[in-house]
Amino acid sequence: MVRAAREFAQNPETRDKASEVFQHDVKPRAQEAWKQAQPEIANAKAGLKRFALKLKDEYRKGRDGE
């Protein structure tokens, strides 16, 4: 596998084709997936913040009660 990767890396035509596929296929799809994931990421972030605040409040209640 490493040998094949070296051979591909040394072949200018293969490098050019790989670069073209990356620029025109892989990169746009990755950018679109990232854009679509943003609302879910923001929702998870907000949920974690709410959980952390609730946990902090519960912890403080337990300490104050003792």
PDB file of N, CA and C in Angstrom:
ATOM      1  N   MET A   1       0.825  -1.185   0.000  1.00  0.00           N
ATOM      2  CA  MET A   1       0.000   0.000   0.000  1.00  0.00           C
ATOM      3  C   MET A   1       0.872   1.254   0.000  1.00  0.00           C
ATOM      4  N   VAL A   2       1.908   1.279   0.819  1.00  0.00           N
ATOM      5  CA  VAL A   2       2.803   2.433   0.859  1.00  0.00           C
ATOM      6  C   VAL A   2       3.511   2.580  -0.482  1.00  0.00           C
ATOM      7  N   ARG A   3       3.893   1.460  -1.039  1.00  0.00           N
ATOM      8  CA  ARG A   3       4.576   1.490  -2.339  1.00  0.00           C
ATOM      9  C   ARG A   3       3.661   2.093  -3.405  1.00  0.00           C
ATOM     10  N   ALA A   4       2.411   1.703  -3.411  1.00  0.00           N
ATOM     11  CA  ALA A   4       1.455   2.239  -4.383  1.00  0.00           C
ATOM     12  C   ALA A   4       1.268   3.739  -4.175  1.00  0.00           C
ATOM     13  N   ALA A   5       1.195   4.159  -2.939  1.00  0.00           N
ATOM     14  CA  ALA A   5       1.034   5.590  -2.636  1.00  0.00           C
ATOM     15  C   ALA A   5       2.240   6.379  -3.145  1.00  0.00           C
ATOM     16  N   ARG A   6       3.435   5.835  -2.958  1.00  0.00           N
ATOM     17  CA  ARG A   6       4.641   6.508  -3.466  1.00  0.00           C
ATOM     18  C   ARG A   6       4.609   6.625  -4.986  1.00  0.00           C
ATOM     19  N   GLU A   7       4.219   5.545  -5.623  1.00  0.00           N
ATOM     20  CA  GLU A   7       4.162   5.567  -7.088  1.00  0.00           C
ATOM     21  C   GLU A   7       3.142   6.584  -7.577  1.00  0.00           C
ATOM     22  N   PHE A   8       1.994   6.655  -6.927  1.00  0.00           N
ATOM     23  CA  PHE A   8       0.996   7.656  -7.296  1.00  0.00           C
ATOM     24  C   PHE A   8       1.532   9.063  -7.069  1.00  0.00           C
ATOM     25  N   ALA A   9       2.204   9.273  -5.971  1.00  0.00           N
ATOM     26  CA  ALA A   9       2.730  10.597  -5.635  1.00  0.00           C
ATOM     27  C   ALA A   9       3.780  11.051  -6.642  1.00  0.00           C
ATOM     28  N   GLN A  10       4.502  10.113  -7.199  1.00  0.00           N
ATOM     29  CA  GLN A  10       5.556  10.463  -8.151  1.00  0.00           C
ATOM     30  C   GLN A  10       5.028  10.646  -9.569  1.00  0.00           C
ATOM     31  N   ASN A  11       3.799  10.269  -9.817  1.00  0.00           N
ATOM     32  CA  ASN A  11       3.219  10.365 -11.147  1.00  0.00           C
ATOM     33  C   ASN A  11       2.441  11.679 -11.266  1.00  0.00           C
ATOM     34  N   PRO A  12       2.925  12.633 -12.085  1.00  0.00           N
ATOM     35  CA  PRO A  12       2.262  13.939 -12.185  1.00  0.00           C
ATOM     36  C   PRO A  12       0.812  13.845 -12.672  1.00  0.00           C
ATOM     37  N   GLU A  13       0.533  12.925 -13.586  1.00  0.00           N
ATOM     38  CA  GLU A  13      -0.838  12.794 -14.085  1.00  0.00           C
ATOM     39  C   GLU A  13      -1.778  12.341 -12.977  1.00  0.00           C
ATOM     40  N   THR A  14      -1.314  11.415 -12.169  1.00  0.00           N
ATOM     41  CA  THR A  14      -2.130  10.915 -11.066  1.00  0.00           C
ATOM     42  C   THR A  14      -2.355  12.003 -10.026  1.00  0.00           C
ATOM     43  N   ARG A  15      -1.295  12.762  -9.720  1.00  0.00           N
ATOM     44  CA  ARG A  15      -1.434  13.869  -8.757  1.00  0.00           C
ATOM     45  C   ARG A  15      -2.446  14.892  -9.260  1.00  0.00           C
ATOM     46  N   ASP A  16      -2.354  15.233 -10.545  1.00  0.00           N
ATOM     47  CA  ASP A  16      -3.283  16.211 -11.113  1.00  0.00           C
ATOM     48  C   ASP A  16      -4.725  15.712 -11.039  1.00  0.00           C
ATOM     49  N   LYS A  17      -4.925  14.449 -11.370  1.00  0.00           N
ATOM     50  CA  LYS A  17      -6.268  13.866 -11.330  1.00  0.00           C
ATOM     51  C   LYS A  17      -6.802  13.850  -9.893  1.00  0.00           C
ATOM     52  N   ALA A  18      -5.935  13.464  -8.953  1.00  0.00           N
ATOM     53  CA  ALA A  18      -6.349  13.437  -7.553  1.00  0.00           C
ATOM     54  C   ALA A  18      -6.716  14.833  -7.064  1.00  0.00           C
ATOM     55  N   SER A  19      -5.941  15.830  -7.468  1.00  0.00           N
ATOM     56  CA  SER A  19      -6.215  17.211  -7.080  1.00  0.00           C
ATOM     57  C   SER A  19      -7.546  17.670  -7.676  1.00  0.00           C
ATOM     58  N   GLU A  20      -7.790  17.305  -8.921  1.00  0.00           N
ATOM     59  CA  GLU A  20      -9.039  17.679  -9.586  1.00  0.00           C
ATOM     60  C   GLU A  20     -10.244  17.035  -8.890  1.00  0.00           C
ATOM     61  N   VAL A  21     -10.125  15.761  -8.576  1.00  0.00           N
ATOM     62  CA  VAL A  21     -11.220  15.067  -7.891  1.00  0.00           C
ATOM     63  C   VAL A  21     -11.465  15.700  -6.529  1.00  0.00           C
ATOM     64  N   PHE A  22     -10.384  16.027  -5.818  1.00  0.00           N
ATOM     65  CA  PHE A  22     -10.527  16.646  -4.503  1.00  0.00           C
ATOM     66  C   PHE A  22     -11.245  17.991  -4.621  1.00  0.00           C
ATOM     67  N   GLN A  23     -10.784  18.847  -5.537  1.00  0.00           N
ATOM     68  CA  GLN A  23     -11.338  20.195  -5.671  1.00  0.00           C
ATOM     69  C   GLN A  23     -12.787  20.197  -6.152  1.00  0.00           C
ATOM     70  N   HIS A  24     -13.125  19.271  -7.059  1.00  0.00           N
ATOM     71  CA  HIS A  24     -14.443  19.314  -7.682  1.00  0.00           C
ATOM     72  C   HIS A  24     -15.454  18.328  -7.105  1.00  0.00           C
ATOM     73  N   ASP A  25     -15.002  17.404  -6.277  1.00  0.00           N
ATOM     74  CA  ASP A  25     -15.929  16.406  -5.738  1.00  0.00           C
ATOM     75  C   ASP A  25     -15.869  16.348  -4.213  1.00  0.00           C
ATOM     76  N   VAL A  26     -14.709  16.032  -3.689  1.00  0.00           N
ATOM     77  CA  VAL A  26     -14.576  15.799  -2.248  1.00  0.00           C
ATOM     78  C   VAL A  26     -14.792  17.087  -1.452  1.00  0.00           C
ATOM     79  N   LYS A  27     -14.091  18.140  -1.818  1.00  0.00           N
ATOM     80  CA  LYS A  27     -14.159  19.389  -1.051  1.00  0.00           C
ATOM     81  C   LYS A  27     -15.572  19.990  -1.031  1.00  0.00           C
ATOM     82  N   PRO A  28     -16.255  20.116  -2.190  1.00  0.00           N
ATOM     83  CA  PRO A  28     -17.621  20.668  -2.136  1.00  0.00           C
ATOM     84  C   PRO A  28     -18.583  19.813  -1.302  1.00  0.00           C
ATOM     85  N   ARG A  29     -18.456  18.502  -1.396  1.00  0.00           N
ATOM     86  CA  ARG A  29     -19.330  17.633  -0.602  1.00  0.00           C
ATOM     87  C   ARG A  29     -19.048  17.796   0.888  1.00  0.00           C
ATOM     88  N   ALA A  30     -17.779  17.910   1.244  1.00  0.00           N
ATOM     89  CA  ALA A  30     -17.415  18.101   2.651  1.00  0.00           C
ATOM     90  C   ALA A  30     -17.925  19.450   3.164  1.00  0.00           C
ATOM     91  N   GLN A  31     -17.808  20.483   2.352  1.00  0.00           N
ATOM     92  CA  GLN A  31     -18.293  21.804   2.758  1.00  0.00           C
ATOM     93  C   GLN A  31     -19.812  21.795   2.949  1.00  0.00           C
ATOM     94  N   GLU A  32     -20.530  21.134   2.059  1.00  0.00           N
ATOM     95  CA  GLU A  32     -21.987  21.046   2.174  1.00  0.00           C
ATOM     96  C   GLU A  32     -22.390  20.261   3.426  1.00  0.00           C
ATOM     97  N   ALA A  33     -21.690  19.164   3.685  1.00  0.00           N
ATOM     98  CA  ALA A  33     -21.985  18.370   4.883  1.00  0.00           C
ATOM     99  C   ALA A  33     -21.732  19.199   6.142  1.00  0.00           C
ATOM    100  N   TRP A  34     -20.652  19.967   6.144  1.00  0.00           N
ATOM    101  CA  TRP A  34     -20.335  20.824   7.292  1.00  0.00           C
ATOM    102  C   TRP A  34     -21.425  21.870   7.500  1.00  0.00           C
ATOM    103  N   LYS A  35     -21.881  22.471   6.395  1.00  0.00           N
ATOM    104  CA  LYS A  35     -22.929  23.484   6.470  1.00  0.00           C
ATOM    105  C   LYS A  35     -24.228  22.872   7.024  1.00  0.00           C
ATOM    106  N   GLN A  36     -24.559  21.679   6.579  1.00  0.00           N
ATOM    107  CA  GLN A  36     -25.784  21.027   7.045  1.00  0.00           C
ATOM    108  C   GLN A  36     -25.686  20.586   8.500  1.00  0.00           C
ATOM    109  N   ALA A  37     -24.484  20.317   8.977  1.00  0.00           N
ATOM    110  CA  ALA A  37     -24.303  19.846  10.351  1.00  0.00           C
ATOM    111  C   ALA A  37     -24.337  20.987  11.368  1.00  0.00           C
ATOM    112  N   GLN A  38     -24.167  22.218  10.930  1.00  0.00           N
ATOM    113  CA  GLN A  38     -24.078  23.344  11.857  1.00  0.00           C
ATOM    114  C   GLN A  38     -25.285  23.479  12.790  1.00  0.00           C
ATOM    115  N   PRO A  39     -26.524  23.370  12.307  1.00  0.00           N
ATOM    116  CA  PRO A  39     -27.656  23.491  13.250  1.00  0.00           C
ATOM    117  C   PRO A  39     -27.639  22.408  14.332  1.00  0.00           C
ATOM    118  N   GLU A  40     -27.276  21.196  13.961  1.00  0.00           N
ATOM    119  CA  GLU A  40     -27.216  20.118  14.951  1.00  0.00           C
ATOM    120  C   GLU A  40     -26.095  20.368  15.960  1.00  0.00           C
ATOM    121  N   ILE A  41     -24.992  20.884  15.471  1.00  0.00           N
ATOM    122  CA  ILE A  41     -23.875  21.202  16.371  1.00  0.00           C
ATOM    123  C   ILE A  41     -24.280  22.302  17.338  1.00  0.00           C
ATOM    124  N   ALA A  42     -24.935  23.337  16.826  1.00  0.00           N
ATOM    125  CA  ALA A  42     -25.390  24.441  17.689  1.00  0.00           C
ATOM    126  C   ALA A  42     -26.395  23.936  18.719  1.00  0.00           C
ATOM    127  N   ASN A  43     -27.284  23.046  18.314  1.00  0.00           N
ATOM    128  CA  ASN A  43     -28.280  22.488  19.232  1.00  0.00           C
ATOM    129  C   ASN A  43     -27.593  21.672  20.326  1.00  0.00           C
ATOM    130  N   ALA A  44     -26.628  20.865  19.950  1.00  0.00           N
ATOM    131  CA  ALA A  44     -25.902  20.060  20.937  1.00  0.00           C
ATOM    132  C   ALA A  44     -25.142  20.960  21.907  1.00  0.00           C
ATOM    133  N   LYS A  45     -24.556  22.029  21.386  1.00  0.00           N
ATOM    134  CA  LYS A  45     -23.819  22.971  22.233  1.00  0.00           C
ATOM    135  C   LYS A  45     -24.752  23.610  23.265  1.00  0.00           C
ATOM    136  N   ALA A  46     -25.927  24.030  22.808  1.00  0.00           N
ATOM    137  CA  ALA A  46     -26.899  24.638  23.727  1.00  0.00           C
ATOM    138  C   ALA A  46     -27.355  23.617  24.764  1.00  0.00           C
ATOM    139  N   GLY A  47     -27.573  22.384  24.339  1.00  0.00           N
ATOM    140  CA  GLY A  47     -27.981  21.342  25.273  1.00  0.00           C
ATOM    141  C   GLY A  47     -26.920  21.066  26.325  1.00  0.00           C
ATOM    142  N   LEU A  48     -25.676  21.053  25.910  1.00  0.00           N
ATOM    143  CA  LEU A  48     -24.591  20.840  26.876  1.00  0.00           C
ATOM    144  C   LEU A  48     -24.490  21.989  27.872  1.00  0.00           C
ATOM    145  N   LYS A  49     -24.698  23.210  27.382  1.00  0.00           N
ATOM    146  CA  LYS A  49     -24.663  24.362  28.290  1.00  0.00           C
ATOM    147  C   LYS A  49     -25.781  24.265  29.326  1.00  0.00           C
ATOM    148  N   ARG A  50     -26.996  23.901  28.858  1.00  0.00           N
ATOM    149  CA  ARG A  50     -28.121  23.748  29.802  1.00  0.00           C
ATOM    150  C   ARG A  50     -27.816  22.653  30.821  1.00  0.00           C
ATOM    151  N   PHE A  51     -27.276  21.541  30.352  1.00  0.00           N
ATOM    152  CA  PHE A  51     -26.936  20.435  31.247  1.00  0.00           C
ATOM    153  C   PHE A  51     -25.894  20.870  32.275  1.00  0.00           C
ATOM    154  N   ALA A  52     -24.865  21.597  31.819  1.00  0.00           N
ATOM    155  CA  ALA A  52     -23.817  22.037  32.736  1.00  0.00           C
ATOM    156  C   ALA A  52     -24.376  22.989  33.798  1.00  0.00           C
ATOM    157  N   LEU A  53     -25.248  23.894  33.394  1.00  0.00           N
ATOM    158  CA  LEU A  53     -25.847  24.819  34.366  1.00  0.00           C
ATOM    159  C   LEU A  53     -26.722  24.067  35.370  1.00  0.00           C
ATOM    160  N   LYS A  54     -27.497  23.115  34.884  1.00  0.00           N
ATOM    161  CA  LYS A  54     -28.347  22.323  35.773  1.00  0.00           C
ATOM    162  C   LYS A  54     -27.491  21.529  36.756  1.00  0.00           C
ATOM    163  N   LEU A  55     -26.425  20.931  36.252  1.00  0.00           N
ATOM    164  CA  LEU A  55     -25.527  20.154  37.093  1.00  0.00           C
ATOM    165  C   LEU A  55     -24.877  21.054  38.151  1.00  0.00           C
ATOM    166  N   LYS A  56     -24.467  22.236  37.734  1.00  0.00           N
ATOM    167  CA  LYS A  56     -23.855  23.184  38.667  1.00  0.00           C
ATOM    168  C   LYS A  56     -24.847  23.580  39.758  1.00  0.00           C
ATOM    169  N   ASP A  57     -26.088  23.860  39.362  1.00  0.00           N
ATOM    170  CA  ASP A  57     -27.116  24.231  40.338  1.00  0.00           C
ATOM    171  C   ASP A  57     -27.382  23.088  41.319  1.00  0.00           C
ATOM    172  N   GLU A  58     -27.488  21.871  40.804  1.00  0.00           N
ATOM    173  CA  GLU A  58     -27.728  20.705  41.664  1.00  0.00           C
ATOM    174  C   GLU A  58     -26.559  20.495  42.630  1.00  0.00           C
ATOM    175  N   TYR A  59     -25.353  20.676  42.138  1.00  0.00           N
ATOM    176  CA  TYR A  59     -24.173  20.513  42.980  1.00  0.00           C
ATOM    177  C   TYR A  59     -24.182  21.548  44.107  1.00  0.00           C
ATOM    178  N   ARG A  60     -24.518  22.782  43.752  1.00  0.00           N
ATOM    179  CA  ARG A  60     -24.531  23.844  44.776  1.00  0.00           C
ATOM    180  C   ARG A  60     -25.640  23.611  45.802  1.00  0.00           C
ATOM    181  N   LYS A  61     -26.793  23.138  45.340  1.00  0.00           N
ATOM    182  CA  LYS A  61     -27.878  22.826  46.283  1.00  0.00           C
ATOM    183  C   LYS A  61     -27.425  21.763  47.270  1.00  0.00           C
ATOM    184  N   GLY A  62     -26.740  20.761  46.793  1.00  0.00           N
ATOM    185  CA  GLY A  62     -26.248  19.692  47.662  1.00  0.00           C
ATOM    186  C   GLY A  62     -25.225  20.193  48.656  1.00  0.00           C
ATOM    187  N   ARG A  63     -24.389  21.101  48.254  1.00  0.00           N
ATOM    188  CA  ARG A  63     -23.372  21.642  49.162  1.00  0.00           C
ATOM    189  C   ARG A  63     -23.998  22.559  50.201  1.00  0.00           C
ATOM    190  N   ASP A  64     -24.968  23.363  49.774  1.00  0.00           N
ATOM    191  CA  ASP A  64     -25.610  24.305  50.692  1.00  0.00           C
ATOM    192  C   ASP A  64     -26.476  23.585  51.713  1.00  0.00           C
ATOM    193  N   GLY A  65     -27.006  22.419  51.348  1.00  0.00           N
ATOM    194  CA  GLY A  65     -27.876  21.674  52.240  1.00  0.00           C
ATOM    195  C   GLY A  65     -27.128  20.973  53.358  1.00  0.00           C
ATOM    196  N   GLU A  66     -25.842  20.752  53.178  1.00  0.00           N
ATOM    197  CA  GLU A  66     -25.072  20.027  54.190  1.00  0.00           C
ATOM    198  C   GLU A  66     -24.643  20.894  55.344  1.00  0.00           C
TER     199      GLU A  66
END
